[in-house]
Amino acid sequence: ERIDGWFAYAMHADTYRFRKYTMKRLQ
C-alpha cells in the first residue's frame, strides 16, 4: 500500500526499470 503510492508518483517519469528493480529487491 505504501509503495504503490510512491510508484504512482514515480510513473510520471521514465522510471520503469527503476521501479522493476526496486520491486525485485523488495520481494
PDB file of all heavy atoms in Angstrom:
ATOM      1  N   GLU A   1       0.831  -1.207   0.000  1.00  0.00           N
ATOM      2  CA  GLU A   1       0.000   0.000   0.000  1.00  0.00           C
ATOM      3  C   GLU A   1       0.862   1.252   0.000  1.00  0.00           C
ATOM      4  O   GLU A   1       0.591   2.218  -0.717  1.00  0.00           O
ATOM      5  CB  GLU A   1      -0.923   0.005   1.222  1.00  0.00           C
ATOM      6  CG  GLU A   1      -2.111  -0.953   1.101  1.00  0.00           C
ATOM      7  CD  GLU A   1      -2.941  -0.982   2.367  1.00  0.00           C
ATOM      8  OE1 GLU A   1      -2.663  -0.169   3.284  1.00  0.00           O
ATOM      9  OE2 GLU A   1      -3.858  -1.816   2.448  1.00  0.00           O
ATOM     10  N   ARG A   2       1.908   1.229   0.810  1.00  0.00           N
ATOM     11  CA  ARG A   2       2.787   2.401   0.918  1.00  0.00           C
ATOM     12  C   ARG A   2       3.622   2.604  -0.351  1.00  0.00           C
ATOM     13  O   ARG A   2       3.810   3.734  -0.803  1.00  0.00           O
ATOM     14  CB  ARG A   2       3.708   2.261   2.132  1.00  0.00           C
ATOM     15  CG  ARG A   2       2.957   2.216   3.456  1.00  0.00           C
ATOM     16  CD  ARG A   2       3.913   2.225   4.640  1.00  0.00           C
ATOM     17  NE  ARG A   2       3.232   1.940   5.884  1.00  0.00           N
ATOM     18  CZ  ARG A   2       3.803   2.006   7.087  1.00  0.00           C
ATOM     19  NH1 ARG A   2       5.081   2.360   7.188  1.00  0.00           N
ATOM     20  NH2 ARG A   2       3.137   1.724   8.186  1.00  0.00           N
ATOM     21  N   ILE A   3       4.098   1.503  -0.911  1.00  0.00           N
ATOM     22  CA  ILE A   3       4.963   1.637  -2.076  1.00  0.00           C
ATOM     23  C   ILE A   3       4.164   1.957  -3.332  1.00  0.00           C
ATOM     24  O   ILE A   3       4.661   2.606  -4.248  1.00  0.00           O
ATOM     25  CB  ILE A   3       5.821   0.357  -2.262  1.00  0.00           C
ATOM     26  CG1 ILE A   3       7.098   0.707  -3.027  1.00  0.00           C
ATOM     27  CG2 ILE A   3       5.056  -0.751  -2.965  1.00  0.00           C
ATOM     28  CD1 ILE A   3       8.123  -0.409  -3.039  1.00  0.00           C
ATOM     29  N   ASP A   4       2.903   1.530  -3.374  1.00  0.00           N
ATOM     30  CA  ASP A   4       2.054   1.815  -4.542  1.00  0.00           C
ATOM     31  C   ASP A   4       1.846   3.309  -4.728  1.00  0.00           C
ATOM     32  O   ASP A   4       1.817   3.807  -5.854  1.00  0.00           O
ATOM     33  CB  ASP A   4       0.701   1.106  -4.410  1.00  0.00           C
ATOM     34  CG  ASP A   4       0.788  -0.387  -4.720  1.00  0.00           C
ATOM     35  OD1 ASP A   4       1.845  -0.817  -5.221  1.00  0.00           O
ATOM     36  OD2 ASP A   4      -0.188  -1.108  -4.439  1.00  0.00           O
ATOM     37  N   GLY A   5       1.682   4.022  -3.615  1.00  0.00           N
ATOM     38  CA  GLY A   5       1.501   5.470  -3.700  1.00  0.00           C
ATOM     39  C   GLY A   5       2.722   6.153  -4.285  1.00  0.00           C
ATOM     40  O   GLY A   5       2.602   7.068  -5.109  1.00  0.00           O
ATOM     41  N   TRP A   6       3.900   5.707  -3.866  1.00  0.00           N
ATOM     42  CA  TRP A   6       5.126   6.304  -4.402  1.00  0.00           C
ATOM     43  C   TRP A   6       5.303   5.939  -5.871  1.00  0.00           C
ATOM     44  O   TRP A   6       5.711   6.775  -6.670  1.00  0.00           O
ATOM     45  CB  TRP A   6       6.337   5.830  -3.599  1.00  0.00           C
ATOM     46  CG  TRP A   6       7.584   6.582  -3.977  1.00  0.00           C
ATOM     47  CD1 TRP A   6       8.003   7.776  -3.457  1.00  0.00           C
ATOM     48  CD2 TRP A   6       8.544   6.220  -4.971  1.00  0.00           C
ATOM     49  NE1 TRP A   6       9.170   8.178  -4.062  1.00  0.00           N
ATOM     50  CE2 TRP A   6       9.523   7.246  -4.999  1.00  0.00           C
ATOM     51  CE3 TRP A   6       8.669   5.145  -5.837  1.00  0.00           C
ATOM     52  CZ2 TRP A   6      10.623   7.209  -5.843  1.00  0.00           C
ATOM     53  CZ3 TRP A   6       9.769   5.113  -6.693  1.00  0.00           C
ATOM     54  CH2 TRP A   6      10.725   6.135  -6.694  1.00  0.00           C
ATOM     55  N   PHE A   7       4.963   4.688  -6.240  1.00  0.00           N
ATOM     56  CA  PHE A   7       5.069   4.273  -7.636  1.00  0.00           C
ATOM     57  C   PHE A   7       4.134   5.090  -8.532  1.00  0.00           C
ATOM     58  O   PHE A   7       4.479   5.426  -9.662  1.00  0.00           O
ATOM     59  CB  PHE A   7       4.742   2.785  -7.779  1.00  0.00           C
ATOM     60  CG  PHE A   7       5.917   1.881  -7.512  1.00  0.00           C
ATOM     61  CD1 PHE A   7       7.130   2.394  -7.054  1.00  0.00           C
ATOM     62  CD2 PHE A   7       5.830   0.521  -7.706  1.00  0.00           C
ATOM     63  CE1 PHE A   7       8.220   1.569  -6.806  1.00  0.00           C
ATOM     64  CE2 PHE A   7       6.905  -0.317  -7.462  1.00  0.00           C
ATOM     65  CZ  PHE A   7       8.099   0.210  -7.010  1.00  0.00           C
ATOM     66  N   ALA A   8       2.948   5.422  -8.018  1.00  0.00           N
ATOM     67  CA  ALA A   8       2.010   6.237  -8.798  1.00  0.00           C
ATOM     68  C   ALA A   8       2.617   7.603  -9.098  1.00  0.00           C
ATOM     69  O   ALA A   8       2.401   8.175 -10.173  1.00  0.00           O
ATOM     70  CB  ALA A   8       0.694   6.392  -8.036  1.00  0.00           C
ATOM     71  N   TYR A   9       3.379   8.124  -8.146  1.00  0.00           N
ATOM     72  CA  TYR A   9       4.088   9.390  -8.344  1.00  0.00           C
ATOM     73  C   TYR A   9       5.251   9.216  -9.320  1.00  0.00           C
ATOM     74  O   TYR A   9       5.418   9.985 -10.265  1.00  0.00           O
ATOM     75  CB  TYR A   9       4.592   9.893  -6.986  1.00  0.00           C
ATOM     76  CG  TYR A   9       5.638  10.979  -7.039  1.00  0.00           C
ATOM     77  CD1 TYR A   9       5.273  12.304  -7.281  1.00  0.00           C
ATOM     78  CD2 TYR A   9       6.983  10.683  -6.827  1.00  0.00           C
ATOM     79  CE1 TYR A   9       6.238  13.305  -7.321  1.00  0.00           C
ATOM     80  CE2 TYR A   9       7.943  11.675  -6.860  1.00  0.00           C
ATOM     81  CZ  TYR A   9       7.562  12.980  -7.103  1.00  0.00           C
ATOM     82  OH  TYR A   9       8.514  13.965  -7.145  1.00  0.00           O
ATOM     83  N   ALA A  10       6.049   8.166  -9.116  1.00  0.00           N
ATOM     84  CA  ALA A  10       7.241   7.946  -9.934  1.00  0.00           C
ATOM     85  C   ALA A  10       6.910   7.640 -11.387  1.00  0.00           C
ATOM     86  O   ALA A  10       7.733   7.859 -12.275  1.00  0.00           O
ATOM     87  CB  ALA A  10       8.073   6.810  -9.342  1.00  0.00           C
ATOM     88  N   MET A  11       5.706   7.145 -11.652  1.00  0.00           N
ATOM     89  CA  MET A  11       5.314   6.795 -13.020  1.00  0.00           C
ATOM     90  C   MET A  11       5.243   8.004 -13.941  1.00  0.00           C
ATOM     91  O   MET A  11       5.204   7.857 -15.160  1.00  0.00           O
ATOM     92  CB  MET A  11       3.965   6.063 -13.017  1.00  0.00           C
ATOM     93  CG  MET A  11       4.054   4.625 -12.540  1.00  0.00           C
ATOM     94  SD  MET A  11       2.425   3.825 -12.414  1.00  0.00           S
ATOM     95  CE  MET A  11       1.955   3.760 -14.144  1.00  0.00           C
ATOM     96  N   HIS A  12       5.246   9.217 -13.357  1.00  0.00           N
ATOM     97  CA  HIS A  12       5.244  10.428 -14.192  1.00  0.00           C
ATOM     98  C   HIS A  12       6.582  10.618 -14.903  1.00  0.00           C
ATOM     99  O   HIS A  12       6.681  11.425 -15.820  1.00  0.00           O
ATOM    100  CB  HIS A  12       4.938  11.665 -13.341  1.00  0.00           C
ATOM    101  CG  HIS A  12       3.569  11.642 -12.741  1.00  0.00           C
ATOM    102  ND1 HIS A  12       2.436  11.438 -13.494  1.00  0.00           N
ATOM    103  CD2 HIS A  12       3.142  11.802 -11.465  1.00  0.00           C
ATOM    104  CE1 HIS A  12       1.373  11.467 -12.701  1.00  0.00           C
ATOM    105  NE2 HIS A  12       1.774  11.690 -11.465  1.00  0.00           N
ATOM    106  N   ALA A  13       7.591   9.876 -14.462  1.00  0.00           N
ATOM    107  CA  ALA A  13       8.918   9.962 -15.086  1.00  0.00           C
ATOM    108  C   ALA A  13       9.244   8.636 -15.762  1.00  0.00           C
ATOM    109  O   ALA A  13       8.507   7.653 -15.640  1.00  0.00           O
ATOM    110  CB  ALA A  13       9.969  10.294 -14.034  1.00  0.00           C
ATOM    111  N   ASP A  14      10.372   8.618 -16.464  1.00  0.00           N
ATOM    112  CA  ASP A  14      10.830   7.397 -17.121  1.00  0.00           C
ATOM    113  C   ASP A  14      11.526   6.516 -16.082  1.00  0.00           C
ATOM    114  O   ASP A  14      12.760   6.518 -15.968  1.00  0.00           O
ATOM    115  CB  ASP A  14      11.774   7.753 -18.271  1.00  0.00           C
ATOM    116  CG  ASP A  14      11.058   8.548 -19.358  1.00  0.00           C
ATOM    117  OD1 ASP A  14      10.845   9.756 -19.146  1.00  0.00           O
ATOM    118  OD2 ASP A  14      10.715   7.961 -20.380  1.00  0.00           O
ATOM    119  N   THR A  15      10.726   5.764 -15.334  1.00  0.00           N
ATOM    120  CA  THR A  15      11.247   5.018 -14.181  1.00  0.00           C
ATOM    121  C   THR A  15      10.909   3.532 -14.234  1.00  0.00           C
ATOM    122  O   THR A  15      10.970   2.859 -13.209  1.00  0.00           O
ATOM    123  CB  THR A  15      10.674   5.604 -12.874  1.00  0.00           C
ATOM    124  OG1 THR A  15       9.237   5.563 -12.939  1.00  0.00           O
ATOM    125  CG2 THR A  15      11.139   7.030 -12.659  1.00  0.00           C
ATOM    126  N   TYR A  16      10.531   3.022 -15.396  1.00  0.00           N
ATOM    127  CA  TYR A  16      10.096   1.624 -15.470  1.00  0.00           C
ATOM    128  C   TYR A  16      11.163   0.682 -14.923  1.00  0.00           C
ATOM    129  O   TYR A  16      10.891  -0.180 -14.085  1.00  0.00           O
ATOM    130  CB  TYR A  16       9.747   1.240 -16.913  1.00  0.00           C
ATOM    131  CG  TYR A  16       9.424  -0.228 -17.079  1.00  0.00           C
ATOM    132  CD1 TYR A  16       8.192  -0.734 -16.664  1.00  0.00           C
ATOM    133  CD2 TYR A  16      10.367  -1.113 -17.607  1.00  0.00           C
ATOM    134  CE1 TYR A  16       7.902  -2.087 -16.788  1.00  0.00           C
ATOM    135  CE2 TYR A  16      10.088  -2.468 -17.727  1.00  0.00           C
ATOM    136  CZ  TYR A  16       8.842  -2.937 -17.324  1.00  0.00           C
ATOM    137  OH  TYR A  16       8.567  -4.275 -17.434  1.00  0.00           O
ATOM    138  N   ARG A  17      12.404   0.842 -15.376  1.00  0.00           N
ATOM    139  CA  ARG A  17      13.477  -0.054 -14.933  1.00  0.00           C
ATOM    140  C   ARG A  17      13.746   0.082 -13.434  1.00  0.00           C
ATOM    141  O   ARG A  17      13.968  -0.911 -12.735  1.00  0.00           O
ATOM    142  CB  ARG A  17      14.758   0.234 -15.717  1.00  0.00           C
ATOM    143  CG  ARG A  17      14.688  -0.177 -17.183  1.00  0.00           C
ATOM    144  CD  ARG A  17      16.023   0.082 -17.870  1.00  0.00           C
ATOM    145  NE  ARG A  17      15.981  -0.293 -19.279  1.00  0.00           N
ATOM    146  CZ  ARG A  17      16.991  -0.146 -20.126  1.00  0.00           C
ATOM    147  NH1 ARG A  17      18.141   0.360 -19.686  1.00  0.00           N
ATOM    148  NH2 ARG A  17      16.877  -0.519 -21.387  1.00  0.00           N
ATOM    149  N   PHE A  18      13.733   1.318 -12.948  1.00  0.00           N
ATOM    150  CA  PHE A  18      13.989   1.542 -11.526  1.00  0.00           C
ATOM    151  C   PHE A  18      12.888   0.909 -10.670  1.00  0.00           C
ATOM    152  O   PHE A  18      13.166   0.264  -9.658  1.00  0.00           O
ATOM    153  CB  PHE A  18      14.096   3.036 -11.230  1.00  0.00           C
ATOM    154  CG  PHE A  18      14.229   3.352  -9.768  1.00  0.00           C
ATOM    155  CD1 PHE A  18      15.396   3.047  -9.074  1.00  0.00           C
ATOM    156  CD2 PHE A  18      13.179   3.943  -9.069  1.00  0.00           C
ATOM    157  CE1 PHE A  18      15.522   3.329  -7.726  1.00  0.00           C
ATOM    158  CE2 PHE A  18      13.295   4.225  -7.728  1.00  0.00           C
ATOM    159  CZ  PHE A  18      14.464   3.918  -7.042  1.00  0.00           C
ATOM    160  N   ARG A  19      11.624   1.092 -11.089  1.00  0.00           N
ATOM    161  CA  ARG A  19      10.511   0.508 -10.323  1.00  0.00           C
ATOM    162  C   ARG A  19      10.573  -1.019 -10.343  1.00  0.00           C
ATOM    163  O   ARG A  19      10.322  -1.679  -9.324  1.00  0.00           O
ATOM    164  CB  ARG A  19       9.184   1.004 -10.889  1.00  0.00           C
ATOM    165  CG  ARG A  19       8.880   2.457 -10.516  1.00  0.00           C
ATOM    166  CD  ARG A  19       7.544   2.929 -11.042  1.00  0.00           C
ATOM    167  NE  ARG A  19       7.593   3.256 -12.457  1.00  0.00           N
ATOM    168  CZ  ARG A  19       6.866   2.675 -13.389  1.00  0.00           C
ATOM    169  NH1 ARG A  19       6.024   1.695 -13.063  1.00  0.00           N
ATOM    170  NH2 ARG A  19       6.947   3.045 -14.657  1.00  0.00           N
ATOM    171  N   LYS A  20      10.922  -1.587 -11.495  1.00  0.00           N
ATOM    172  CA  LYS A  20      11.035  -3.045 -11.613  1.00  0.00           C
ATOM    173  C   LYS A  20      12.153  -3.576 -10.718  1.00  0.00           C
ATOM    174  O   LYS A  20      11.982  -4.574  -9.999  1.00  0.00           O
ATOM    175  CB  LYS A  20      11.299  -3.410 -13.073  1.00  0.00           C
ATOM    176  CG  LYS A  20      11.276  -4.905 -13.346  1.00  0.00           C
ATOM    177  CD  LYS A  20      11.460  -5.175 -14.845  1.00  0.00           C
ATOM    178  CE  LYS A  20      11.447  -6.671 -15.137  1.00  0.00           C
ATOM    179  NZ  LYS A  20      11.619  -6.946 -16.585  1.00  0.00           N
ATOM    180  N   TYR A  21      13.297  -2.888 -10.734  1.00  0.00           N
ATOM    181  CA  TYR A  21      14.431  -3.282  -9.891  1.00  0.00           C
ATOM    182  C   TYR A  21      14.075  -3.163  -8.407  1.00  0.00           C
ATOM    183  O   TYR A  21      14.401  -4.041  -7.599  1.00  0.00           O
ATOM    184  CB  TYR A  21      15.641  -2.402 -10.218  1.00  0.00           C
ATOM    185  CG  TYR A  21      16.738  -2.445  -9.198  1.00  0.00           C
ATOM    186  CD1 TYR A  21      17.608  -3.538  -9.118  1.00  0.00           C
ATOM    187  CD2 TYR A  21      16.909  -1.394  -8.292  1.00  0.00           C
ATOM    188  CE1 TYR A  21      18.608  -3.583  -8.167  1.00  0.00           C
ATOM    189  CE2 TYR A  21      17.908  -1.429  -7.341  1.00  0.00           C
ATOM    190  CZ  TYR A  21      18.752  -2.528  -7.273  1.00  0.00           C
ATOM    191  OH  TYR A  21      19.740  -2.565  -6.322  1.00  0.00           O
ATOM    192  N   THR A  22      13.383  -2.075  -8.049  1.00  0.00           N
ATOM    193  CA  THR A  22      13.001  -1.839  -6.652  1.00  0.00           C
ATOM    194  C   THR A  22      12.086  -2.946  -6.143  1.00  0.00           C
ATOM    195  O   THR A  22      12.265  -3.461  -5.027  1.00  0.00           O
ATOM    196  CB  THR A  22      12.307  -0.476  -6.519  1.00  0.00           C
ATOM    197  OG1 THR A  22      13.210   0.560  -6.913  1.00  0.00           O
ATOM    198  CG2 THR A  22      11.862  -0.222  -5.083  1.00  0.00           C
ATOM    199  N   MET A  23      11.101  -3.342  -6.950  1.00  0.00           N
ATOM    200  CA  MET A  23      10.173  -4.396  -6.533  1.00  0.00           C
ATOM    201  C   MET A  23      10.886  -5.733  -6.392  1.00  0.00           C
ATOM    202  O   MET A  23      10.630  -6.491  -5.446  1.00  0.00           O
ATOM    203  CB  MET A  23       9.037  -4.510  -7.543  1.00  0.00           C
ATOM    204  CG  MET A  23       7.947  -3.471  -7.367  1.00  0.00           C
ATOM    205  SD  MET A  23       7.235  -3.417  -5.698  1.00  0.00           S
ATOM    206  CE  MET A  23       6.565  -5.069  -5.554  1.00  0.00           C
ATOM    207  N   LYS A  24      11.802  -6.029  -7.309  1.00  0.00           N
ATOM    208  CA  LYS A  24      12.546  -7.285  -7.219  1.00  0.00           C
ATOM    209  C   LYS A  24      13.389  -7.341  -5.947  1.00  0.00           C
ATOM    210  O   LYS A  24      13.453  -8.354  -5.253  1.00  0.00           O
ATOM    211  CB  LYS A  24      13.452  -7.454  -8.447  1.00  0.00           C
ATOM    212  CG  LYS A  24      12.731  -7.959  -9.686  1.00  0.00           C
ATOM    213  CD  LYS A  24      13.735  -8.237 -10.804  1.00  0.00           C
ATOM    214  CE  LYS A  24      13.040  -8.851 -12.020  1.00  0.00           C
ATOM    215  NZ  LYS A  24      14.005  -9.134 -13.114  1.00  0.00           N
ATOM    216  N   ARG A  25      14.024  -6.217  -5.646  1.00  0.00           N
ATOM    217  CA  ARG A  25      14.863  -6.146  -4.438  1.00  0.00           C
ATOM    218  C   ARG A  25      14.015  -6.316  -3.177  1.00  0.00           C
ATOM    219  O   ARG A  25      14.415  -7.020  -2.234  1.00  0.00           O
ATOM    220  CB  ARG A  25      15.594  -4.799  -4.421  1.00  0.00           C
ATOM    221  CG  ARG A  25      16.605  -4.654  -3.293  1.00  0.00           C
ATOM    222  CD  ARG A  25      17.615  -3.570  -3.617  1.00  0.00           C
ATOM    223  NE  ARG A  25      17.000  -2.271  -3.779  1.00  0.00           N
ATOM    224  CZ  ARG A  25      16.911  -1.367  -2.795  1.00  0.00           C
ATOM    225  NH1 ARG A  25      17.388  -1.638  -1.592  1.00  0.00           N
ATOM    226  NH2 ARG A  25      16.375  -0.196  -3.022  1.00  0.00           N
ATOM    227  N   LEU A  26      12.854  -5.654  -3.160  1.00  0.00           N
ATOM    228  CA  LEU A  26      11.966  -5.752  -2.005  1.00  0.00           C
ATOM    229  C   LEU A  26      11.441  -7.177  -1.835  1.00  0.00           C
ATOM    230  O   LEU A  26      11.454  -7.725  -0.726  1.00  0.00           O
ATOM    231  CB  LEU A  26      10.800  -4.776  -2.183  1.00  0.00           C
ATOM    232  CG  LEU A  26       9.727  -4.790  -1.102  1.00  0.00           C
ATOM    233  CD1 LEU A  26      10.326  -4.423   0.252  1.00  0.00           C
ATOM    234  CD2 LEU A  26       8.597  -3.820  -1.457  1.00  0.00           C
ATOM    235  N   GLN A  27      10.985  -7.786  -2.931  1.00  0.00           N
ATOM    236  CA  GLN A  27      10.448  -9.149  -2.862  1.00  0.00           C
ATOM    237  C   GLN A  27      11.500 -10.156  -2.428  1.00  0.00           C
ATOM    238  O   GLN A  27      11.218 -11.084  -1.662  1.00  0.00           O
ATOM    239  CB  GLN A  27       9.856  -9.528  -4.227  1.00  0.00           C
ATOM    240  CG  GLN A  27       8.572  -8.780  -4.553  1.00  0.00           C
ATOM    241  CD  GLN A  27       8.165  -8.923  -6.004  1.00  0.00           C
ATOM    242  OE1 GLN A  27       8.892  -9.465  -6.832  1.00  0.00           O
ATOM    243  NE2 GLN A  27       6.964  -8.423  -6.335  1.00  0.00           N
TER     244      GLN A  27
END
